[in-house]
N, C-alpha and C. Protein backbone atom coordinates (compact mmCIF):
# COMPACT_ATOMS: atom_id res chain seq x y z
N MET A 1 0.82 -1.19 0.00
CA MET A 1 0.00 0.00 0.00
C MET A 1 0.87 1.26 0.00
N VAL A 2 1.91 1.29 0.84
CA VAL A 2 2.78 2.46 0.88
C VAL A 2 3.52 2.61 -0.44
N ASP A 3 3.92 1.49 -1.04
CA ASP A 3 4.62 1.54 -2.32
C ASP A 3 3.75 2.18 -3.40
N GLU A 4 2.46 1.96 -3.33
CA GLU A 4 1.55 2.57 -4.31
C GLU A 4 1.38 4.06 -4.08
N LEU A 5 1.32 4.47 -2.81
CA LEU A 5 1.13 5.88 -2.49
C LEU A 5 2.41 6.69 -2.68
N ILE A 6 3.51 6.15 -2.22
CA ILE A 6 4.80 6.84 -2.32
C ILE A 6 5.81 5.87 -2.92
N PRO A 7 5.92 5.86 -4.25
CA PRO A 7 6.81 4.88 -4.88
C PRO A 7 8.29 5.10 -4.54
N ALA A 8 8.68 6.31 -4.18
CA ALA A 8 10.09 6.57 -3.87
C ALA A 8 10.46 6.19 -2.44
N ALA A 9 9.48 5.82 -1.62
CA ALA A 9 9.77 5.45 -0.24
C ALA A 9 10.55 4.14 -0.21
N PHE A 10 11.53 4.10 0.67
CA PHE A 10 12.35 2.90 0.79
C PHE A 10 12.32 2.46 2.24
N HIS A 11 11.94 1.24 2.47
CA HIS A 11 11.89 0.69 3.82
C HIS A 11 13.06 -0.25 3.99
N ASN A 12 14.01 0.16 4.79
CA ASN A 12 15.21 -0.63 5.01
C ASN A 12 14.94 -1.62 6.15
N THR A 13 14.99 -2.90 5.84
CA THR A 13 14.65 -3.91 6.84
C THR A 13 15.87 -4.66 7.36
N GLY A 14 17.06 -4.17 7.06
CA GLY A 14 18.27 -4.82 7.54
C GLY A 14 18.38 -4.72 9.06
N GLN A 15 19.06 -5.68 9.64
CA GLN A 15 19.21 -5.72 11.09
C GLN A 15 19.98 -4.50 11.57
N TYR A 16 19.44 -3.79 12.56
CA TYR A 16 20.02 -2.63 13.21
C TYR A 16 20.09 -1.37 12.33
N GLU A 17 19.61 -1.42 11.11
CA GLU A 17 19.75 -0.27 10.24
C GLU A 17 18.66 0.77 10.45
N ASN A 18 17.52 0.37 10.96
CA ASN A 18 16.47 1.35 11.24
C ASN A 18 16.63 1.98 12.61
N ASN A 19 17.35 1.35 13.50
CA ASN A 19 17.49 1.86 14.86
C ASN A 19 18.97 2.02 15.18
N ARG A 20 19.47 3.25 15.09
CA ARG A 20 20.91 3.47 15.29
C ARG A 20 21.35 3.22 16.71
N CYS A 21 20.44 3.32 17.65
CA CYS A 21 20.82 3.05 19.05
C CYS A 21 21.19 1.58 19.23
N GLU A 22 20.52 0.71 18.52
CA GLU A 22 20.76 -0.73 18.68
C GLU A 22 22.12 -1.16 18.17
N CYS A 23 22.68 -0.44 17.22
CA CYS A 23 23.98 -0.86 16.67
C CYS A 23 25.09 -0.69 17.70
N ASP A 24 24.92 0.20 18.68
CA ASP A 24 25.92 0.37 19.73
C ASP A 24 25.60 -0.43 20.98
N HIS A 25 24.46 -1.07 21.00
CA HIS A 25 24.00 -1.76 22.20
C HIS A 25 24.99 -2.83 22.65
N GLY A 26 25.51 -3.60 21.71
CA GLY A 26 26.44 -4.68 22.06
C GLY A 26 27.71 -4.17 22.70
N ARG A 27 28.27 -3.09 22.15
CA ARG A 27 29.49 -2.52 22.72
C ARG A 27 29.24 -1.95 24.11
N LEU A 28 28.09 -1.31 24.29
CA LEU A 28 27.77 -0.75 25.59
C LEU A 28 27.57 -1.86 26.62
N LYS A 29 26.90 -2.94 26.22
CA LYS A 29 26.71 -4.06 27.15
C LYS A 29 28.05 -4.69 27.52
N SER A 30 28.95 -4.82 26.56
CA SER A 30 30.25 -5.42 26.88
C SER A 30 31.05 -4.50 27.80
N ARG A 31 30.84 -3.20 27.71
CA ARG A 31 31.52 -2.27 28.61
C ARG A 31 30.94 -2.33 30.01
N LEU A 32 29.64 -2.53 30.12
CA LEU A 32 28.98 -2.54 31.42
C LEU A 32 29.08 -3.88 32.14
N ARG A 33 29.32 -4.95 31.43
CA ARG A 33 29.37 -6.28 32.04
C ARG A 33 30.40 -6.37 33.16
N PRO A 34 31.66 -5.89 32.97
CA PRO A 34 32.62 -5.97 34.08
C PRO A 34 32.21 -5.10 35.27
N MET A 35 31.40 -4.10 35.03
CA MET A 35 30.96 -3.23 36.12
C MET A 35 29.77 -3.82 36.86
N ARG A 36 29.27 -4.97 36.39
CA ARG A 36 28.10 -5.63 36.95
C ARG A 36 26.87 -4.74 36.93
N GLY A 37 26.72 -4.03 35.83
CA GLY A 37 25.54 -3.19 35.64
C GLY A 37 25.70 -1.83 36.29
N LEU A 38 24.63 -1.06 36.21
CA LEU A 38 24.62 0.28 36.79
C LEU A 38 23.76 0.24 38.04
N LYS A 39 24.32 0.64 39.15
CA LYS A 39 23.63 0.49 40.43
C LYS A 39 22.59 1.56 40.70
N THR A 40 22.84 2.80 40.26
CA THR A 40 21.90 3.87 40.54
C THR A 40 21.55 4.60 39.25
N ASP A 41 20.49 5.38 39.30
CA ASP A 41 20.09 6.17 38.14
C ASP A 41 21.15 7.22 37.81
N ARG A 42 21.79 7.75 38.83
CA ARG A 42 22.82 8.77 38.61
C ARG A 42 24.00 8.20 37.82
N THR A 43 24.48 7.03 38.22
CA THR A 43 25.61 6.43 37.49
C THR A 43 25.19 6.03 36.08
N ALA A 44 23.97 5.57 35.92
CA ALA A 44 23.48 5.22 34.58
C ALA A 44 23.47 6.46 33.69
N CYS A 45 23.01 7.57 34.22
CA CYS A 45 22.95 8.81 33.46
C CYS A 45 24.34 9.26 33.04
N ILE A 46 25.29 9.20 33.95
CA ILE A 46 26.65 9.65 33.67
C ILE A 46 27.32 8.76 32.63
N VAL A 47 27.23 7.45 32.81
CA VAL A 47 27.89 6.52 31.89
C VAL A 47 27.27 6.59 30.50
N ILE A 48 25.97 6.63 30.42
CA ILE A 48 25.30 6.64 29.12
C ILE A 48 25.55 7.95 28.38
N ARG A 49 25.54 9.07 29.09
CA ARG A 49 25.84 10.35 28.44
C ARG A 49 27.28 10.39 27.93
N GLY A 50 28.21 9.88 28.73
CA GLY A 50 29.60 9.85 28.30
C GLY A 50 29.81 8.95 27.10
N TYR A 51 29.16 7.80 27.10
CA TYR A 51 29.26 6.87 25.98
C TYR A 51 28.68 7.49 24.71
N ALA A 52 27.53 8.15 24.85
CA ALA A 52 26.90 8.80 23.69
C ALA A 52 27.79 9.93 23.16
N PHE A 53 28.42 10.68 24.06
CA PHE A 53 29.31 11.76 23.63
C PHE A 53 30.49 11.22 22.81
N ILE A 54 31.11 10.15 23.30
CA ILE A 54 32.25 9.56 22.58
C ILE A 54 31.82 9.05 21.22
N GLN A 55 30.67 8.40 21.14
CA GLN A 55 30.18 7.92 19.84
C GLN A 55 29.91 9.08 18.89
N ASN A 56 29.35 10.17 19.40
CA ASN A 56 29.08 11.33 18.55
C ASN A 56 30.37 11.98 18.06
N VAL A 57 31.40 12.01 18.89
CA VAL A 57 32.70 12.54 18.45
C VAL A 57 33.26 11.65 17.35
N ARG A 58 33.19 10.34 17.54
CA ARG A 58 33.71 9.40 16.53
C ARG A 58 32.98 9.51 15.21
N ARG A 59 31.70 9.79 15.25
CA ARG A 59 30.90 9.90 14.02
C ARG A 59 30.98 11.27 13.37
N GLY A 60 31.65 12.22 14.01
CA GLY A 60 31.84 13.53 13.42
C GLY A 60 30.69 14.49 13.61
N HIS A 61 29.88 14.29 14.64
CA HIS A 61 28.76 15.19 14.89
C HIS A 61 29.21 16.51 15.50
N TYR A 62 30.41 16.58 16.04
CA TYR A 62 30.97 17.80 16.60
C TYR A 62 32.21 18.16 15.79
N GLU A 63 32.57 19.40 15.82
CA GLU A 63 33.78 19.84 15.11
C GLU A 63 34.99 19.73 16.04
N LEU A 64 35.21 18.55 16.55
CA LEU A 64 36.33 18.28 17.45
C LEU A 64 37.21 17.20 16.83
N GLY A 65 38.47 17.49 16.68
CA GLY A 65 39.40 16.49 16.16
C GLY A 65 39.16 16.11 14.73
N VAL A 66 38.52 16.97 13.94
CA VAL A 66 38.20 16.61 12.56
C VAL A 66 39.43 16.62 11.65
N GLU A 67 40.46 17.39 12.03
CA GLU A 67 41.67 17.46 11.19
C GLU A 67 42.60 16.28 11.44
N ALA A 68 42.42 15.59 12.54
CA ALA A 68 43.33 14.51 12.92
C ALA A 68 43.01 13.23 12.16
N ALA A 69 43.98 12.35 12.14
CA ALA A 69 43.77 11.02 11.55
C ALA A 69 42.74 10.28 12.40
N PRO A 70 41.98 9.35 11.80
CA PRO A 70 40.94 8.64 12.57
C PRO A 70 41.45 7.98 13.85
N VAL A 71 42.66 7.51 13.85
CA VAL A 71 43.22 6.85 15.04
C VAL A 71 43.43 7.87 16.16
N LEU A 72 43.76 9.10 15.80
CA LEU A 72 44.07 10.14 16.79
C LEU A 72 42.90 11.09 17.02
N GLN A 73 41.74 10.79 16.48
CA GLN A 73 40.61 11.71 16.57
C GLN A 73 40.15 11.97 18.00
N LEU A 74 39.99 10.91 18.80
CA LEU A 74 39.54 11.11 20.18
C LEU A 74 40.56 11.84 21.04
N PRO A 75 41.84 11.47 21.03
CA PRO A 75 42.79 12.24 21.83
C PRO A 75 42.87 13.71 21.41
N THR A 76 42.80 13.96 20.11
CA THR A 76 42.83 15.34 19.63
C THR A 76 41.59 16.10 20.07
N ALA A 77 40.42 15.44 20.03
CA ALA A 77 39.18 16.08 20.47
C ALA A 77 39.26 16.45 21.95
N PHE A 78 39.81 15.56 22.76
CA PHE A 78 39.92 15.86 24.19
C PHE A 78 40.95 16.95 24.46
N ASP A 79 42.02 17.01 23.65
CA ASP A 79 42.98 18.12 23.78
C ASP A 79 42.31 19.45 23.45
N GLU A 80 41.49 19.46 22.40
CA GLU A 80 40.76 20.68 22.04
C GLU A 80 39.78 21.08 23.13
N LEU A 81 39.11 20.10 23.73
CA LEU A 81 38.18 20.40 24.83
C LEU A 81 38.93 20.94 26.04
N ARG A 82 40.08 20.37 26.33
CA ARG A 82 40.88 20.83 27.48
C ARG A 82 41.28 22.28 27.30
N LEU A 83 41.65 22.66 26.09
CA LEU A 83 42.05 24.05 25.83
C LEU A 83 40.86 25.00 25.91
N ALA A 84 39.67 24.51 25.55
CA ALA A 84 38.47 25.35 25.58
C ALA A 84 37.98 25.59 27.00
N ILE A 85 38.23 24.63 27.87
CA ILE A 85 37.75 24.76 29.25
C ILE A 85 38.78 25.51 30.03
């Protein structure tokens, strides 16, 4: 029905491709496993925000460390943040 109404619409049904949060879920779980989970809402908030920030820096959503090589992008971004603060 949607194909008839909007022929240019594309429904991507590949695993994890419609939900970008799920593609990082495995890495986040592997990081939290040694910590035996998050004990309080406060620690959950801090860890999840920090993890999301690092992923956004790696994906280039901020103008931090964009001139550096991909291997050095995170250290360069943190050096730029340190100078800004």
